[in-house]
Amino acid sequence: MLALTLEEFMVELNDGSIKNVGPKNKAATAKLFDVESAEAREFGDKRIKLVFEDEDENEIQISLFPEDVRSLVDDIEALEDDSPVFE
């Protein structure tokens, strides 16, 4: 399930073109639940792309620098040691 939250979001659709309307204070949050597949792959010369997909083929892609991926791996390893999720 993909959940999108869009705040202060308004666009103008005119003759097939999308144009920002109003101030540039828009924000969005995307959440993907019940992930069926996850993978990591190279993205360009300096980044790693994480790709998550659910059973409905909704997909979220996240591009991170290697140091951010290492930090994420450290967080997961800490959870393995301390969290009941991994029991």
N, C-alpha and C. Protein backbone atom coordinates (compact mmCIF):
# COMPACT_ATOMS: atom_id res chain seq x y z
N MET A 1 0.84 -1.17 0.00
CA MET A 1 0.00 0.00 0.00
C MET A 1 0.89 1.23 0.00
N LEU A 2 0.63 2.14 -0.91
CA LEU A 2 1.36 3.39 -1.01
C LEU A 2 0.49 4.50 -0.45
N ALA A 3 1.02 5.24 0.51
CA ALA A 3 0.29 6.38 1.09
C ALA A 3 1.08 7.65 0.79
N LEU A 4 0.42 8.62 0.20
CA LEU A 4 1.04 9.91 -0.12
C LEU A 4 0.34 11.00 0.66
N THR A 5 1.13 11.86 1.28
CA THR A 5 0.61 13.05 1.93
C THR A 5 1.23 14.24 1.24
N LEU A 6 0.40 15.11 0.69
CA LEU A 6 0.86 16.31 0.00
C LEU A 6 0.35 17.52 0.74
N GLU A 7 1.26 18.43 1.08
CA GLU A 7 0.87 19.62 1.83
C GLU A 7 1.11 20.88 1.01
N GLU A 8 0.16 21.78 1.11
CA GLU A 8 0.24 23.05 0.39
C GLU A 8 0.49 22.80 -1.10
N PHE A 9 -0.19 21.81 -1.63
CA PHE A 9 0.10 21.38 -2.98
C PHE A 9 -0.99 21.85 -3.93
N MET A 10 -0.60 22.68 -4.88
CA MET A 10 -1.53 23.12 -5.89
C MET A 10 -0.76 23.31 -7.19
N VAL A 11 -1.28 22.70 -8.24
CA VAL A 11 -0.68 22.87 -9.56
C VAL A 11 -1.77 23.25 -10.53
N GLU A 12 -1.35 23.81 -11.63
CA GLU A 12 -2.27 24.19 -12.70
C GLU A 12 -2.04 23.23 -13.87
N LEU A 13 -3.11 22.65 -14.36
CA LEU A 13 -3.03 21.79 -15.53
C LEU A 13 -3.66 22.56 -16.69
N ASN A 14 -2.84 22.85 -17.70
CA ASN A 14 -3.31 23.66 -18.81
C ASN A 14 -2.74 23.07 -20.11
N ASP A 15 -3.59 22.60 -20.98
CA ASP A 15 -3.18 22.01 -22.26
C ASP A 15 -2.13 20.92 -22.08
N GLY A 16 -2.31 20.09 -21.07
CA GLY A 16 -1.41 18.97 -20.85
C GLY A 16 -0.13 19.30 -20.11
N SER A 17 0.07 20.55 -19.73
CA SER A 17 1.26 20.95 -19.00
C SER A 17 0.92 21.19 -17.54
N ILE A 18 1.83 20.81 -16.66
CA ILE A 18 1.64 21.02 -15.23
C ILE A 18 2.54 22.17 -14.79
N LYS A 19 1.96 23.12 -14.08
CA LYS A 19 2.70 24.31 -13.63
C LYS A 19 2.44 24.52 -12.15
N ASN A 20 3.49 24.85 -11.41
CA ASN A 20 3.37 25.17 -9.99
C ASN A 20 2.49 26.41 -9.82
N VAL A 21 1.60 26.36 -8.84
CA VAL A 21 0.76 27.49 -8.52
C VAL A 21 1.01 27.87 -7.07
N GLY A 22 1.22 29.14 -6.81
CA GLY A 22 1.42 29.60 -5.45
C GLY A 22 2.87 29.51 -5.01
N PRO A 23 3.09 29.70 -3.70
CA PRO A 23 4.47 29.70 -3.17
C PRO A 23 5.10 28.31 -3.25
N LYS A 24 6.40 28.28 -3.09
CA LYS A 24 7.15 27.03 -3.20
C LYS A 24 7.35 26.39 -1.82
N ASN A 25 6.28 26.31 -1.06
CA ASN A 25 6.35 25.74 0.29
C ASN A 25 5.72 24.35 0.35
N LYS A 26 5.73 23.64 -0.75
CA LYS A 26 5.11 22.32 -0.81
C LYS A 26 5.96 21.29 -0.08
N ALA A 27 5.30 20.28 0.43
CA ALA A 27 5.99 19.17 1.10
C ALA A 27 5.23 17.89 0.79
N ALA A 28 5.95 16.79 0.79
CA ALA A 28 5.31 15.50 0.53
C ALA A 28 5.95 14.43 1.39
N THR A 29 5.14 13.45 1.77
CA THR A 29 5.60 12.28 2.49
C THR A 29 5.06 11.06 1.75
N ALA A 30 5.94 10.10 1.47
CA ALA A 30 5.52 8.86 0.83
C ALA A 30 5.84 7.70 1.77
N LYS A 31 4.89 6.80 1.93
CA LYS A 31 5.07 5.63 2.77
C LYS A 31 4.64 4.41 1.98
N LEU A 32 5.46 3.38 2.00
CA LEU A 32 5.13 2.14 1.31
C LEU A 32 5.09 1.02 2.34
N PHE A 33 3.93 0.40 2.46
CA PHE A 33 3.73 -0.67 3.43
C PHE A 33 3.65 -2.01 2.71
N ASP A 34 3.85 -3.08 3.44
CA ASP A 34 3.74 -4.43 2.89
C ASP A 34 4.66 -4.62 1.68
N VAL A 35 5.91 -4.26 1.87
CA VAL A 35 6.90 -4.37 0.80
C VAL A 35 7.12 -5.83 0.46
N GLU A 36 7.06 -6.14 -0.83
CA GLU A 36 7.26 -7.51 -1.32
C GLU A 36 8.70 -7.74 -1.77
N SER A 37 9.37 -6.68 -2.25
CA SER A 37 10.76 -6.84 -2.70
C SER A 37 11.54 -5.57 -2.37
N ALA A 38 12.83 -5.79 -2.11
CA ALA A 38 13.74 -4.68 -1.82
C ALA A 38 15.09 -5.03 -2.42
N GLU A 39 15.73 -4.05 -3.04
CA GLU A 39 17.05 -4.29 -3.61
C GLU A 39 17.89 -3.03 -3.54
N ALA A 40 19.19 -3.23 -3.60
CA ALA A 40 20.15 -2.13 -3.63
C ALA A 40 20.99 -2.30 -4.89
N ARG A 41 21.26 -1.17 -5.56
CA ARG A 41 22.10 -1.22 -6.76
C ARG A 41 22.84 0.10 -6.92
N GLU A 42 23.86 0.08 -7.76
CA GLU A 42 24.62 1.31 -8.02
C GLU A 42 23.72 2.32 -8.72
N PHE A 43 23.98 3.58 -8.40
CA PHE A 43 23.24 4.67 -9.05
C PHE A 43 24.25 5.76 -9.38
N GLY A 44 24.60 5.85 -10.64
CA GLY A 44 25.63 6.80 -11.03
C GLY A 44 26.99 6.36 -10.50
N ASP A 45 27.90 7.32 -10.35
CA ASP A 45 29.25 7.02 -9.90
C ASP A 45 29.41 7.03 -8.39
N LYS A 46 28.49 7.67 -7.66
CA LYS A 46 28.74 7.91 -6.24
C LYS A 46 27.61 7.53 -5.31
N ARG A 47 26.56 6.96 -5.82
CA ARG A 47 25.41 6.69 -4.96
C ARG A 47 24.93 5.25 -5.06
N ILE A 48 24.09 4.91 -4.11
CA ILE A 48 23.44 3.60 -4.08
C ILE A 48 21.94 3.85 -4.10
N LYS A 49 21.25 3.13 -4.94
CA LYS A 49 19.80 3.27 -5.03
C LYS A 49 19.15 2.09 -4.32
N LEU A 50 18.25 2.39 -3.40
CA LEU A 50 17.43 1.39 -2.74
C LEU A 50 16.06 1.43 -3.40
N VAL A 51 15.56 0.26 -3.81
CA VAL A 51 14.28 0.18 -4.51
C VAL A 51 13.37 -0.77 -3.74
N PHE A 52 12.18 -0.29 -3.40
CA PHE A 52 11.20 -1.06 -2.65
C PHE A 52 9.91 -1.13 -3.46
N GLU A 53 9.30 -2.32 -3.52
CA GLU A 53 8.07 -2.48 -4.29
C GLU A 53 7.07 -3.35 -3.51
N ASP A 54 5.78 -3.00 -3.61
CA ASP A 54 4.75 -3.80 -2.95
C ASP A 54 4.07 -4.70 -3.97
N GLU A 55 3.09 -5.47 -3.52
CA GLU A 55 2.43 -6.44 -4.40
C GLU A 55 1.63 -5.78 -5.52
N ASP A 56 1.27 -4.49 -5.35
CA ASP A 56 0.53 -3.77 -6.38
C ASP A 56 1.45 -3.05 -7.36
N GLU A 57 2.76 -3.33 -7.24
CA GLU A 57 3.80 -2.73 -8.07
C GLU A 57 3.98 -1.23 -7.83
N ASN A 58 3.52 -0.73 -6.65
CA ASN A 58 3.90 0.61 -6.24
C ASN A 58 5.37 0.54 -5.87
N GLU A 59 6.12 1.56 -6.23
CA GLU A 59 7.57 1.52 -6.03
C GLU A 59 8.07 2.83 -5.45
N ILE A 60 9.02 2.72 -4.55
CA ILE A 60 9.73 3.88 -4.02
C ILE A 60 11.21 3.63 -4.25
N GLN A 61 11.90 4.63 -4.80
CA GLN A 61 13.34 4.56 -5.00
C GLN A 61 13.99 5.65 -4.17
N ILE A 62 15.09 5.28 -3.51
CA ILE A 62 15.82 6.21 -2.66
C ILE A 62 17.29 6.15 -3.05
N SER A 63 17.88 7.29 -3.30
CA SER A 63 19.29 7.38 -3.66
C SER A 63 20.06 7.92 -2.46
N LEU A 64 21.09 7.18 -2.04
CA LEU A 64 21.89 7.56 -0.88
C LEU A 64 23.37 7.50 -1.21
N PHE A 65 24.16 8.34 -0.52
CA PHE A 65 25.61 8.23 -0.60
C PHE A 65 26.05 7.04 0.26
N PRO A 66 27.18 6.43 -0.06
CA PRO A 66 27.64 5.24 0.68
C PRO A 66 27.71 5.45 2.20
N GLU A 67 28.13 6.61 2.65
CA GLU A 67 28.21 6.84 4.11
C GLU A 67 26.83 6.82 4.77
N ASP A 68 25.81 7.23 4.03
CA ASP A 68 24.45 7.17 4.57
C ASP A 68 23.95 5.73 4.63
N VAL A 69 24.33 4.92 3.63
CA VAL A 69 23.97 3.50 3.64
C VAL A 69 24.67 2.80 4.81
N ARG A 70 25.94 3.11 5.03
CA ARG A 70 26.67 2.51 6.15
C ARG A 70 26.01 2.86 7.48
N SER A 71 25.57 4.11 7.62
CA SER A 71 24.89 4.54 8.84
C SER A 71 23.59 3.77 9.03
N LEU A 72 22.87 3.55 7.95
CA LEU A 72 21.62 2.79 7.99
C LEU A 72 21.89 1.33 8.39
N VAL A 73 22.94 0.75 7.84
CA VAL A 73 23.32 -0.62 8.20
C VAL A 73 23.66 -0.69 9.68
N ASP A 74 24.38 0.30 10.19
CA ASP A 74 24.70 0.35 11.63
C ASP A 74 23.43 0.40 12.47
N ASP A 75 22.45 1.20 12.04
CA ASP A 75 21.18 1.29 12.76
C ASP A 75 20.46 -0.06 12.78
N ILE A 76 20.48 -0.76 11.67
CA ILE A 76 19.82 -2.06 11.59
C ILE A 76 20.54 -3.08 12.47
N GLU A 77 21.86 -3.06 12.45
CA GLU A 77 22.62 -3.97 13.31
C GLU A 77 22.34 -3.71 14.78
N ALA A 78 22.19 -2.44 15.16
CA ALA A 78 21.85 -2.12 16.54
C ALA A 78 20.46 -2.65 16.89
N LEU A 79 19.54 -2.56 15.96
CA LEU A 79 18.20 -3.12 16.20
C LEU A 79 18.26 -4.63 16.38
N GLU A 80 19.10 -5.29 15.61
CA GLU A 80 19.24 -6.74 15.73
C GLU A 80 19.67 -7.13 17.14
N ASP A 81 20.50 -6.29 17.76
CA ASP A 81 21.00 -6.58 19.10
C ASP A 81 19.99 -6.25 20.19
N ASP A 82 19.17 -5.22 19.98
CA ASP A 82 18.35 -4.68 21.05
C ASP A 82 16.84 -4.79 20.87
N SER A 83 16.37 -5.04 19.66
CA SER A 83 14.94 -4.95 19.41
C SER A 83 14.27 -6.32 19.41
N PRO A 84 13.06 -6.39 19.98
CA PRO A 84 12.30 -7.64 19.91
C PRO A 84 11.83 -7.98 18.50
N VAL A 85 11.95 -7.06 17.58
CA VAL A 85 11.54 -7.29 16.20
C VAL A 85 12.34 -8.46 15.60
N PHE A 86 13.60 -8.60 16.03
CA PHE A 86 14.48 -9.62 15.45
C PHE A 86 14.48 -10.91 16.26
N GLU A 87 13.58 -11.07 17.21
CA GLU A 87 13.54 -12.29 18.00
C GLU A 87 12.79 -13.39 17.31
